[in-house]
PDB file of all heavy atoms in Angstrom:
ATOM      1  N   LEU A   1       3.529   8.516  10.581  1.00  0.00           N
ATOM      2  CA  LEU A   1       4.658   8.284   9.690  1.00  0.00           C
ATOM      3  C   LEU A   1       5.889   9.059  10.142  1.00  0.00           C
ATOM      4  O   LEU A   1       6.999   8.526  10.183  1.00  0.00           O
ATOM      5  CB  LEU A   1       4.266   8.673   8.256  1.00  0.00           C
ATOM      6  CG  LEU A   1       5.261   8.322   7.157  1.00  0.00           C
ATOM      7  CD1 LEU A   1       5.314   6.806   6.995  1.00  0.00           C
ATOM      8  CD2 LEU A   1       4.846   8.972   5.856  1.00  0.00           C
ATOM      9  N   LEU A   2       5.686  10.333  10.545  1.00  0.00           N
ATOM     10  CA  LEU A   2       6.821  11.150  10.994  1.00  0.00           C
ATOM     11  C   LEU A   2       7.426  10.646  12.294  1.00  0.00           C
ATOM     12  O   LEU A   2       8.645  10.690  12.487  1.00  0.00           O
ATOM     13  CB  LEU A   2       6.382  12.612  11.150  1.00  0.00           C
ATOM     14  CG  LEU A   2       6.080  13.373   9.871  1.00  0.00           C
ATOM     15  CD1 LEU A   2       5.547  14.760  10.199  1.00  0.00           C
ATOM     16  CD2 LEU A   2       7.329  13.469   9.008  1.00  0.00           C
ATOM     17  N   PHE A   3       6.599  10.188  13.217  1.00  0.00           N
ATOM     18  CA  PHE A   3       7.118   9.720  14.489  1.00  0.00           C
ATOM     19  C   PHE A   3       7.801   8.353  14.388  1.00  0.00           C
ATOM     20  O   PHE A   3       8.583   7.986  15.260  1.00  0.00           O
ATOM     21  CB  PHE A   3       6.003   9.651  15.544  1.00  0.00           C
ATOM     22  CG  PHE A   3       5.596  11.007  16.056  1.00  0.00           C
ATOM     23  CD1 PHE A   3       4.276  11.382  16.068  1.00  0.00           C
ATOM     24  CD2 PHE A   3       6.543  11.908  16.521  1.00  0.00           C
ATOM     25  CE1 PHE A   3       3.893  12.622  16.541  1.00  0.00           C
ATOM     26  CE2 PHE A   3       6.179  13.147  16.999  1.00  0.00           C
ATOM     27  CZ  PHE A   3       4.835  13.515  17.005  1.00  0.00           C
ATOM     28  N   SER A   4       7.474   7.593  13.345  1.00  0.00           N
ATOM     29  CA  SER A   4       8.075   6.262  13.228  1.00  0.00           C
ATOM     30  C   SER A   4       9.214   6.189  12.206  1.00  0.00           C
ATOM     31  O   SER A   4       9.766   5.119  11.976  1.00  0.00           O
ATOM     32  CB  SER A   4       7.005   5.226  12.892  1.00  0.00           C
ATOM     33  OG  SER A   4       6.442   5.512  11.632  1.00  0.00           O
ATOM     34  N   ILE A   5       9.582   7.299  11.581  1.00  0.00           N
ATOM     35  CA  ILE A   5      10.694   7.304  10.622  1.00  0.00           C
ATOM     36  C   ILE A   5      11.992   7.005  11.367  1.00  0.00           C
ATOM     37  O   ILE A   5      12.286   7.581  12.394  1.00  0.00           O
ATOM     38  CB  ILE A   5      10.799   8.661   9.885  1.00  0.00           C
ATOM     39  CG1 ILE A   5       9.678   8.807   8.887  1.00  0.00           C
ATOM     40  CG2 ILE A   5      12.142   8.813   9.187  1.00  0.00           C
ATOM     41  CD1 ILE A   5       9.675  10.108   8.136  1.00  0.00           C
ATOM     42  N   GLY A   6      12.772   6.095  10.840  1.00  0.00           N
ATOM     43  CA  GLY A   6      14.065   5.744  11.420  1.00  0.00           C
ATOM     44  C   GLY A   6      13.998   4.677  12.484  1.00  0.00           C
ATOM     45  O   GLY A   6      15.023   4.130  12.870  1.00  0.00           O
ATOM     46  N   LYS A   7      12.804   4.379  12.999  1.00  0.00           N
ATOM     47  CA  LYS A   7      12.692   3.374  14.051  1.00  0.00           C
ATOM     48  C   LYS A   7      12.148   2.058  13.499  1.00  0.00           C
ATOM     49  O   LYS A   7      12.317   1.015  14.121  1.00  0.00           O
ATOM     50  CB  LYS A   7      11.755   3.872  15.164  1.00  0.00           C
ATOM     51  CG  LYS A   7      12.262   5.129  15.854  1.00  0.00           C
ATOM     52  CD  LYS A   7      11.255   5.599  16.887  1.00  0.00           C
ATOM     53  CE  LYS A   7      11.687   6.943  17.434  1.00  0.00           C
ATOM     54  NZ  LYS A   7      10.707   7.531  18.303  1.00  0.00           N
ATOM     55  N   ASN A   8      11.452   2.126  12.379  1.00  0.00           N
ATOM     56  CA  ASN A   8      10.804   0.941  11.815  1.00  0.00           C
ATOM     57  C   ASN A   8      11.121   0.839  10.328  1.00  0.00           C
ATOM     58  O   ASN A   8      11.411   1.838   9.669  1.00  0.00           O
ATOM     59  CB  ASN A   8       9.275   1.050  11.986  1.00  0.00           C
ATOM     60  CG  ASN A   8       8.861   1.072  13.435  1.00  0.00           C
ATOM     61  OD1 ASN A   8       9.338   0.290  14.230  1.00  0.00           O
ATOM     62  ND2 ASN A   8       7.971   1.999  13.778  1.00  0.00           N
ATOM     63  N   PRO A   9      10.997  -0.367   9.784  1.00  0.00           N
ATOM     64  CA  PRO A   9      11.160  -0.511   8.329  1.00  0.00           C
ATOM     65  C   PRO A   9      10.003   0.153   7.602  1.00  0.00           C
ATOM     66  O   PRO A   9       8.952   0.461   8.179  1.00  0.00           O
ATOM     67  CB  PRO A   9      11.167  -2.015   8.107  1.00  0.00           C
ATOM     68  CG  PRO A   9      10.999  -2.668   9.418  1.00  0.00           C
ATOM     69  CD  PRO A   9      10.884  -1.645  10.465  1.00  0.00           C
ATOM     70  N   LEU A  10      10.172   0.399   6.304  1.00  0.00           N
ATOM     71  CA  LEU A  10       9.190   1.119   5.496  1.00  0.00           C
ATOM     72  C   LEU A  10       7.827   0.432   5.500  1.00  0.00           C
ATOM     73  O   LEU A  10       6.789   1.092   5.608  1.00  0.00           O
ATOM     74  CB  LEU A  10       9.695   1.257   4.049  1.00  0.00           C
ATOM     75  CG  LEU A  10       8.808   2.063   3.111  1.00  0.00           C
ATOM     76  CD1 LEU A  10       8.660   3.482   3.602  1.00  0.00           C
ATOM     77  CD2 LEU A  10       9.332   2.006   1.704  1.00  0.00           C
ATOM     78  N   SER A  11       7.795  -0.895   5.420  1.00  0.00           N
ATOM     79  CA  SER A  11       6.509  -1.612   5.385  1.00  0.00           C
ATOM     80  C   SER A  11       5.747  -1.441   6.695  1.00  0.00           C
ATOM     81  O   SER A  11       4.520  -1.276   6.688  1.00  0.00           O
ATOM     82  CB  SER A  11       6.747  -3.086   5.075  1.00  0.00           C
ATOM     83  OG  SER A  11       7.527  -3.679   6.097  1.00  0.00           O
ATOM     84  N   VAL A  12       6.448  -1.450   7.818  1.00  0.00           N
ATOM     85  CA  VAL A  12       5.789  -1.272   9.132  1.00  0.00           C
ATOM     86  C   VAL A  12       5.270   0.164   9.261  1.00  0.00           C
ATOM     87  O   VAL A  12       4.159   0.395   9.754  1.00  0.00           O
ATOM     88  CB  VAL A  12       6.773  -1.632  10.271  1.00  0.00           C
ATOM     89  CG1 VAL A  12       6.154  -1.304  11.623  1.00  0.00           C
ATOM     90  CG2 VAL A  12       7.145  -3.097  10.210  1.00  0.00           C
ATOM     91  N   MET A  13       6.074   1.131   8.792  1.00  0.00           N
ATOM     92  CA  MET A  13       5.640   2.537   8.858  1.00  0.00           C
ATOM     93  C   MET A  13       4.375   2.757   8.045  1.00  0.00           C
ATOM     94  O   MET A  13       3.438   3.416   8.502  1.00  0.00           O
ATOM     95  CB  MET A  13       6.747   3.464   8.325  1.00  0.00           C
ATOM     96  CG  MET A  13       7.908   3.637   9.264  1.00  0.00           C
ATOM     97  SD  MET A  13       9.045   4.935   8.769  1.00  0.00           S
ATOM     98  CE  MET A  13       9.282   4.685   7.049  1.00  0.00           C
ATOM     99  N   LEU A  14       4.323   2.199   6.844  1.00  0.00           N
ATOM    100  CA  LEU A  14       3.150   2.390   6.003  1.00  0.00           C
ATOM    101  C   LEU A  14       1.911   1.676   6.568  1.00  0.00           C
ATOM    102  O   LEU A  14       0.798   2.204   6.493  1.00  0.00           O
ATOM    103  CB  LEU A  14       3.444   1.905   4.583  1.00  0.00           C
ATOM    104  CG  LEU A  14       4.471   2.748   3.810  1.00  0.00           C
ATOM    105  CD1 LEU A  14       4.744   2.113   2.455  1.00  0.00           C
ATOM    106  CD2 LEU A  14       3.993   4.158   3.660  1.00  0.00           C
ATOM    107  N   MET A  15       2.132   0.474   7.140  1.00  0.00           N
ATOM    108  CA  MET A  15       1.020  -0.273   7.729  1.00  0.00           C
ATOM    109  C   MET A  15       0.444   0.503   8.930  1.00  0.00           C
ATOM    110  O   MET A  15      -0.771   0.645   9.058  1.00  0.00           O
ATOM    111  CB  MET A  15       1.494  -1.663   8.180  1.00  0.00           C
ATOM    112  CG  MET A  15       0.379  -2.517   8.743  1.00  0.00           C
ATOM    113  SD  MET A  15      -0.841  -2.985   7.523  1.00  0.00           S
ATOM    114  CE  MET A  15       0.015  -4.324   6.767  1.00  0.00           C
ATOM    115  N   ARG A  16       1.320   1.013   9.787  1.00  0.00           N
ATOM    116  CA  ARG A  16       0.850   1.762  10.954  1.00  0.00           C
ATOM    117  C   ARG A  16       0.204   3.088  10.547  1.00  0.00           C
ATOM    118  O   ARG A  16      -0.758   3.535  11.188  1.00  0.00           O
ATOM    119  CB  ARG A  16       2.000   2.000  11.921  1.00  0.00           C
ATOM    120  CG  ARG A  16       2.422   0.712  12.600  1.00  0.00           C
ATOM    121  CD  ARG A  16       3.503   0.926  13.595  1.00  0.00           C
ATOM    122  NE  ARG A  16       3.859  -0.353  14.224  1.00  0.00           N
ATOM    123  CZ  ARG A  16       4.899  -0.518  15.005  1.00  0.00           C
ATOM    124  NH1 ARG A  16       5.708   0.491  15.258  1.00  0.00           N
ATOM    125  NH2 ARG A  16       5.141  -1.703  15.540  1.00  0.00           N
ATOM    126  N   SER A  17       0.700   3.717   9.508  1.00  0.00           N
ATOM    127  CA  SER A  17       0.078   4.947   9.011  1.00  0.00           C
ATOM    128  C   SER A  17      -1.315   4.675   8.476  1.00  0.00           C
ATOM    129  O   SER A  17      -2.237   5.479   8.663  1.00  0.00           O
ATOM    130  CB  SER A  17       0.941   5.570   7.916  1.00  0.00           C
ATOM    131  OG  SER A  17       2.168   5.992   8.439  1.00  0.00           O
ATOM    132  N   MET A  18      -1.481   3.517   7.805  1.00  0.00           N
ATOM    133  CA  MET A  18      -2.809   3.154   7.312  1.00  0.00           C
ATOM    134  C   MET A  18      -3.765   2.900   8.481  1.00  0.00           C
ATOM    135  O   MET A  18      -4.914   3.348   8.458  1.00  0.00           O
ATOM    136  CB  MET A  18      -2.720   1.895   6.435  1.00  0.00           C
ATOM    137  CG  MET A  18      -4.048   1.528   5.794  1.00  0.00           C
ATOM    138  SD  MET A  18      -3.984   0.058   4.790  1.00  0.00           S
ATOM    139  CE  MET A  18      -3.687  -1.199   6.012  1.00  0.00           C
ATOM    140  N   TYR A  19      -3.298   2.205   9.525  1.00  0.00           N
ATOM    141  CA  TYR A  19      -4.134   1.983  10.717  1.00  0.00           C
ATOM    142  C   TYR A  19      -4.478   3.306  11.391  1.00  0.00           C
ATOM    143  O   TYR A  19      -5.610   3.517  11.853  1.00  0.00           O
ATOM    144  CB  TYR A  19      -3.434   1.059  11.707  1.00  0.00           C
ATOM    145  CG  TYR A  19      -3.304  -0.376  11.246  1.00  0.00           C
ATOM    146  CD1 TYR A  19      -2.239  -1.152  11.682  1.00  0.00           C
ATOM    147  CD2 TYR A  19      -4.225  -0.953  10.404  1.00  0.00           C
ATOM    148  CE1 TYR A  19      -2.100  -2.471  11.289  1.00  0.00           C
ATOM    149  CE2 TYR A  19      -4.101  -2.275   9.987  1.00  0.00           C
ATOM    150  CZ  TYR A  19      -3.033  -3.031  10.433  1.00  0.00           C
ATOM    151  OH  TYR A  19      -2.901  -4.331  10.039  1.00  0.00           O
ATOM    152  N   ALA A  20      -3.499   4.221  11.445  1.00  0.00           N
ATOM    153  CA  ALA A  20      -3.752   5.526  12.052  1.00  0.00           C
ATOM    154  C   ALA A  20      -4.778   6.308  11.228  1.00  0.00           C
ATOM    155  O   ALA A  20      -5.654   6.982  11.784  1.00  0.00           O
ATOM    156  CB  ALA A  20      -2.456   6.324  12.162  1.00  0.00           C
ATOM    157  N   PHE A  21      -4.686   6.215   9.888  1.00  0.00           N
ATOM    158  CA  PHE A  21      -5.662   6.876   9.022  1.00  0.00           C
ATOM    159  C   PHE A  21      -7.069   6.376   9.325  1.00  0.00           C
ATOM    160  O   PHE A  21      -8.005   7.158   9.516  1.00  0.00           O
ATOM    161  CB  PHE A  21      -5.307   6.653   7.544  1.00  0.00           C
ATOM    162  CG  PHE A  21      -6.319   7.213   6.602  1.00  0.00           C
ATOM    163  CD1 PHE A  21      -6.303   8.562   6.286  1.00  0.00           C
ATOM    164  CD2 PHE A  21      -7.293   6.409   6.031  1.00  0.00           C
ATOM    165  CE1 PHE A  21      -7.237   9.095   5.410  1.00  0.00           C
ATOM    166  CE2 PHE A  21      -8.230   6.930   5.164  1.00  0.00           C
ATOM    167  CZ  PHE A  21      -8.202   8.274   4.847  1.00  0.00           C
ATOM    168  N   ILE A  22      -7.228   5.063   9.404  1.00  0.00           N
ATOM    169  CA  ILE A  22      -8.550   4.472   9.665  1.00  0.00           C
ATOM    170  C   ILE A  22      -9.049   4.892  11.055  1.00  0.00           C
ATOM    171  O   ILE A  22     -10.217   5.252  11.232  1.00  0.00           O
ATOM    172  CB  ILE A  22      -8.496   2.937   9.528  1.00  0.00           C
ATOM    173  CG1 ILE A  22      -8.219   2.571   8.061  1.00  0.00           C
ATOM    174  CG2 ILE A  22      -9.780   2.296  10.018  1.00  0.00           C
ATOM    175  CD1 ILE A  22      -7.902   1.101   7.845  1.00  0.00           C
ATOM    176  N   ALA A  23      -8.158   4.871  12.048  1.00  0.00           N
ATOM    177  CA  ALA A  23      -8.554   5.225  13.414  1.00  0.00           C
ATOM    178  C   ALA A  23      -8.964   6.698  13.500  1.00  0.00           C
ATOM    179  O   ALA A  23      -9.982   7.044  14.128  1.00  0.00           O
ATOM    180  CB  ALA A  23      -7.417   4.931  14.386  1.00  0.00           C
ATOM    181  N   PHE A  24      -8.188   7.582  12.851  1.00  0.00           N
ATOM    182  CA  PHE A  24      -8.507   9.000  12.912  1.00  0.00           C
ATOM    183  C   PHE A  24      -9.792   9.326  12.149  1.00  0.00           C
ATOM    184  O   PHE A  24     -10.544  10.200  12.564  1.00  0.00           O
ATOM    185  CB  PHE A  24      -7.333   9.829  12.397  1.00  0.00           C
ATOM    186  CG  PHE A  24      -6.311  10.135  13.462  1.00  0.00           C
ATOM    187  CD1 PHE A  24      -5.376   9.178  13.842  1.00  0.00           C
ATOM    188  CD2 PHE A  24      -6.286  11.364  14.082  1.00  0.00           C
ATOM    189  CE1 PHE A  24      -4.451   9.451  14.815  1.00  0.00           C
ATOM    190  CE2 PHE A  24      -5.346  11.645  15.055  1.00  0.00           C
ATOM    191  CZ  PHE A  24      -4.420  10.685  15.429  1.00  0.00           C
ATOM    192  N   VAL A  25     -10.060   8.634  11.063  1.00  0.00           N
ATOM    193  CA  VAL A  25     -11.316   8.839  10.340  1.00  0.00           C
ATOM    194  C   VAL A  25     -12.487   8.421  11.221  1.00  0.00           C
ATOM    195  O   VAL A  25     -13.507   9.110  11.303  1.00  0.00           O
ATOM    196  CB  VAL A  25     -11.326   8.075   9.001  1.00  0.00           C
ATOM    197  CG1 VAL A  25     -12.716   8.017   8.408  1.00  0.00           C
ATOM    198  CG2 VAL A  25     -10.360   8.725   8.020  1.00  0.00           C
ATOM    199  N   ALA A  26     -12.349   7.297  11.910  1.00  0.00           N
ATOM    200  CA  ALA A  26     -13.418   6.827  12.803  1.00  0.00           C
ATOM    201  C   ALA A  26     -13.622   7.802  13.965  1.00  0.00           C
ATOM    202  O   ALA A  26     -14.762   8.116  14.342  1.00  0.00           O
ATOM    203  CB  ALA A  26     -13.088   5.432  13.327  1.00  0.00           C
ATOM    204  N   ILE A  27     -12.516   8.302  14.531  1.00  0.00           N
ATOM    205  CA  ILE A  27     -12.620   9.265  15.643  1.00  0.00           C
ATOM    206  C   ILE A  27     -13.300  10.551  15.163  1.00  0.00           C
ATOM    207  O   ILE A  27     -14.142  11.111  15.856  1.00  0.00           O
ATOM    208  CB  ILE A  27     -11.234   9.536  16.241  1.00  0.00           C
ATOM    209  CG1 ILE A  27     -10.740   8.310  17.002  1.00  0.00           C
ATOM    210  CG2 ILE A  27     -11.262  10.759  17.153  1.00  0.00           C
ATOM    211  CD1 ILE A  27      -9.287   8.408  17.436  1.00  0.00           C
ATOM    212  N   ALA A  28     -12.921  11.024  13.964  1.00  0.00           N
ATOM    213  CA  ALA A  28     -13.533  12.234  13.420  1.00  0.00           C
ATOM    214  C   ALA A  28     -15.023  12.018  13.183  1.00  0.00           C
ATOM    215  O   ALA A  28     -15.835  12.921  13.451  1.00  0.00           O
ATOM    216  CB  ALA A  28     -12.841  12.633  12.131  1.00  0.00           C
ATOM    217  N   PHE A  29     -15.404  10.854  12.700  1.00  0.00           N
ATOM    218  CA  PHE A  29     -16.819  10.557  12.474  1.00  0.00           C
ATOM    219  C   PHE A  29     -17.599  10.597  13.784  1.00  0.00           C
ATOM    220  O   PHE A  29     -18.674  11.190  13.871  1.00  0.00           O
ATOM    221  CB  PHE A  29     -16.977   9.197  11.791  1.00  0.00           C
ATOM    222  CG  PHE A  29     -18.403   8.833  11.509  1.00  0.00           C
ATOM    223  CD1 PHE A  29     -19.076   9.396  10.439  1.00  0.00           C
ATOM    224  CD2 PHE A  29     -19.070   7.938  12.331  1.00  0.00           C
ATOM    225  CE1 PHE A  29     -20.394   9.065  10.184  1.00  0.00           C
ATOM    226  CE2 PHE A  29     -20.380   7.610  12.091  1.00  0.00           C
ATOM    227  CZ  PHE A  29     -21.051   8.176  11.013  1.00  0.00           C
ATOM    228  N   VAL A  30     -17.051   9.963  14.813  1.00  0.00           N
ATOM    229  CA  VAL A  30     -17.720   9.941  16.121  1.00  0.00           C
ATOM    230  C   VAL A  30     -17.814  11.355  16.692  1.00  0.00           C
ATOM    231  O   VAL A  30     -18.853  11.759  17.236  1.00  0.00           O
ATOM    232  CB  VAL A  30     -16.986   8.982  17.078  1.00  0.00           C
ATOM    233  CG1 VAL A  30     -17.512   9.112  18.495  1.00  0.00           C
ATOM    234  CG2 VAL A  30     -17.126   7.543  16.602  1.00  0.00           C
ATOM    235  N   MET A  31     -16.738  12.124  16.569  1.00  0.00           N
ATOM    236  CA  MET A  31     -16.750  13.488  17.105  1.00  0.00           C
ATOM    237  C   MET A  31     -17.756  14.360  16.364  1.00  0.00           C
ATOM    238  O   MET A  31     -18.469  15.161  16.990  1.00  0.00           O
ATOM    239  CB  MET A  31     -15.352  14.098  17.044  1.00  0.00           C
ATOM    240  CG  MET A  31     -14.403  13.492  18.061  1.00  0.00           C
ATOM    241  SD  MET A  31     -12.774  14.222  18.040  1.00  0.00           S
ATOM    242  CE  MET A  31     -13.137  15.873  18.537  1.00  0.00           C
ATOM    243  N   ARG A  32     -17.850  14.225  15.057  1.00  0.00           N
ATOM    244  CA  ARG A  32     -18.838  14.984  14.284  1.00  0.00           C
ATOM    245  C   ARG A  32     -20.248  14.578  14.671  1.00  0.00           C
ATOM    246  O   ARG A  32     -21.143  15.412  14.770  1.00  0.00           O
ATOM    247  CB  ARG A  32     -18.629  14.766  12.780  1.00  0.00           C
ATOM    248  CG  ARG A  32     -17.479  15.560  12.221  1.00  0.00           C
ATOM    249  CD  ARG A  32     -17.321  15.373  10.734  1.00  0.00           C
ATOM    250  NE  ARG A  32     -18.580  15.526  10.030  1.00  0.00           N
ATOM    251  CZ  ARG A  32     -18.939  14.800   8.983  1.00  0.00           C
ATOM    252  NH1 ARG A  32     -18.152  13.873   8.514  1.00  0.00           N
ATOM    253  NH2 ARG A  32     -20.099  15.010   8.400  1.00  0.00           N
ATOM    254  N   PHE A  33     -20.464  13.290  14.891  1.00  0.00           N
ATOM    255  CA  PHE A  33     -21.780  12.814  15.303  1.00  0.00           C
ATOM    256  C   PHE A  33     -22.155  13.404  16.669  1.00  0.00           C
ATOM    257  O   PHE A  33     -23.281  13.886  16.868  1.00  0.00           O
ATOM    258  CB  PHE A  33     -21.805  11.287  15.350  1.00  0.00           C
ATOM    259  CG  PHE A  33     -23.116  10.724  15.816  1.00  0.00           C
ATOM    260  CD1 PHE A  33     -24.207  10.683  14.958  1.00  0.00           C
ATOM    261  CD2 PHE A  33     -23.261  10.250  17.116  1.00  0.00           C
ATOM    262  CE1 PHE A  33     -25.418  10.176  15.391  1.00  0.00           C
ATOM    263  CE2 PHE A  33     -24.465   9.751  17.551  1.00  0.00           C
ATOM    264  CZ  PHE A  33     -25.554   9.716  16.692  1.00  0.00           C
ATOM    265  N   LEU A  34     -21.218  13.367  17.622  1.00  0.00           N
ATOM    266  CA  LEU A  34     -21.496  13.919  18.949  1.00  0.00           C
ATOM    267  C   LEU A  34     -21.721  15.429  18.900  1.00  0.00           C
ATOM    268  O   LEU A  34     -22.601  15.949  19.591  1.00  0.00           O
ATOM    269  CB  LEU A  34     -20.350  13.588  19.914  1.00  0.00           C
ATOM    270  CG  LEU A  34     -20.218  12.114  20.308  1.00  0.00           C
ATOM    271  CD1 LEU A  34     -18.988  11.905  21.170  1.00  0.00           C
ATOM    272  CD2 LEU A  34     -21.477  11.648  21.040  1.00  0.00           C
ATOM    273  N   LEU A  35     -20.936  16.122  18.089  1.00  0.00           N
ATOM    274  CA  LEU A  35     -21.100  17.559  17.958  1.00  0.00           C
ATOM    275  C   LEU A  35     -22.463  17.895  17.363  1.00  0.00           C
ATOM    276  O   LEU A  35     -23.138  18.825  17.821  1.00  0.00           O
ATOM    277  CB  LEU A  35     -19.977  18.129  17.087  1.00  0.00           C
ATOM    278  CG  LEU A  35     -19.887  19.642  17.003  1.00  0.00           C
ATOM    279  CD1 LEU A  35     -19.605  20.232  18.370  1.00  0.00           C
ATOM    280  CD2 LEU A  35     -18.819  20.039  16.023  1.00  0.00           C
ATOM    281  N   ALA A  36     -22.894  17.151  16.374  1.00  0.00           N
ATOM    282  CA  ALA A  36     -24.213  17.370  15.780  1.00  0.00           C
ATOM    283  C   ALA A  36     -25.316  17.069  16.792  1.00  0.00           C
ATOM    284  O   ALA A  36     -26.326  17.771  16.849  1.00  0.00           O
ATOM    285  CB  ALA A  36     -24.387  16.513  14.531  1.00  0.00           C
ATOM    286  N   PHE A  37     -25.118  16.065  17.620  1.00  0.00           N
ATOM    287  CA  PHE A  37     -26.099  15.705  18.637  1.00  0.00           C
ATOM    288  C   PHE A  37     -26.189  16.798  19.701  1.00  0.00           C
ATOM    289  O   PHE A  37     -27.283  17.149  20.151  1.00  0.00           O
ATOM    290  CB  PHE A  37     -25.722  14.360  19.277  1.00  0.00           C
ATOM    291  CG  PHE A  37     -26.716  13.890  20.297  1.00  0.00           C
ATOM    292  CD1 PHE A  37     -27.941  13.364  19.905  1.00  0.00           C
ATOM    293  CD2 PHE A  37     -26.431  13.965  21.653  1.00  0.00           C
ATOM    294  CE1 PHE A  37     -28.855  12.930  20.837  1.00  0.00           C
ATOM    295  CE2 PHE A  37     -27.334  13.537  22.587  1.00  0.00           C
ATOM    296  CZ  PHE A  37     -28.551  13.025  22.183  1.00  0.00           C
TER     297      PHE A  37
END
């Protein structure tokens, strides 16, 4: 959201932030799984 402020409209910023949230949650899950392994 911070990196896309001023470059994109509000709807695009929120959509990309939601995709980033989902991607980072998935990455954190995989990293926790690997760390536990």
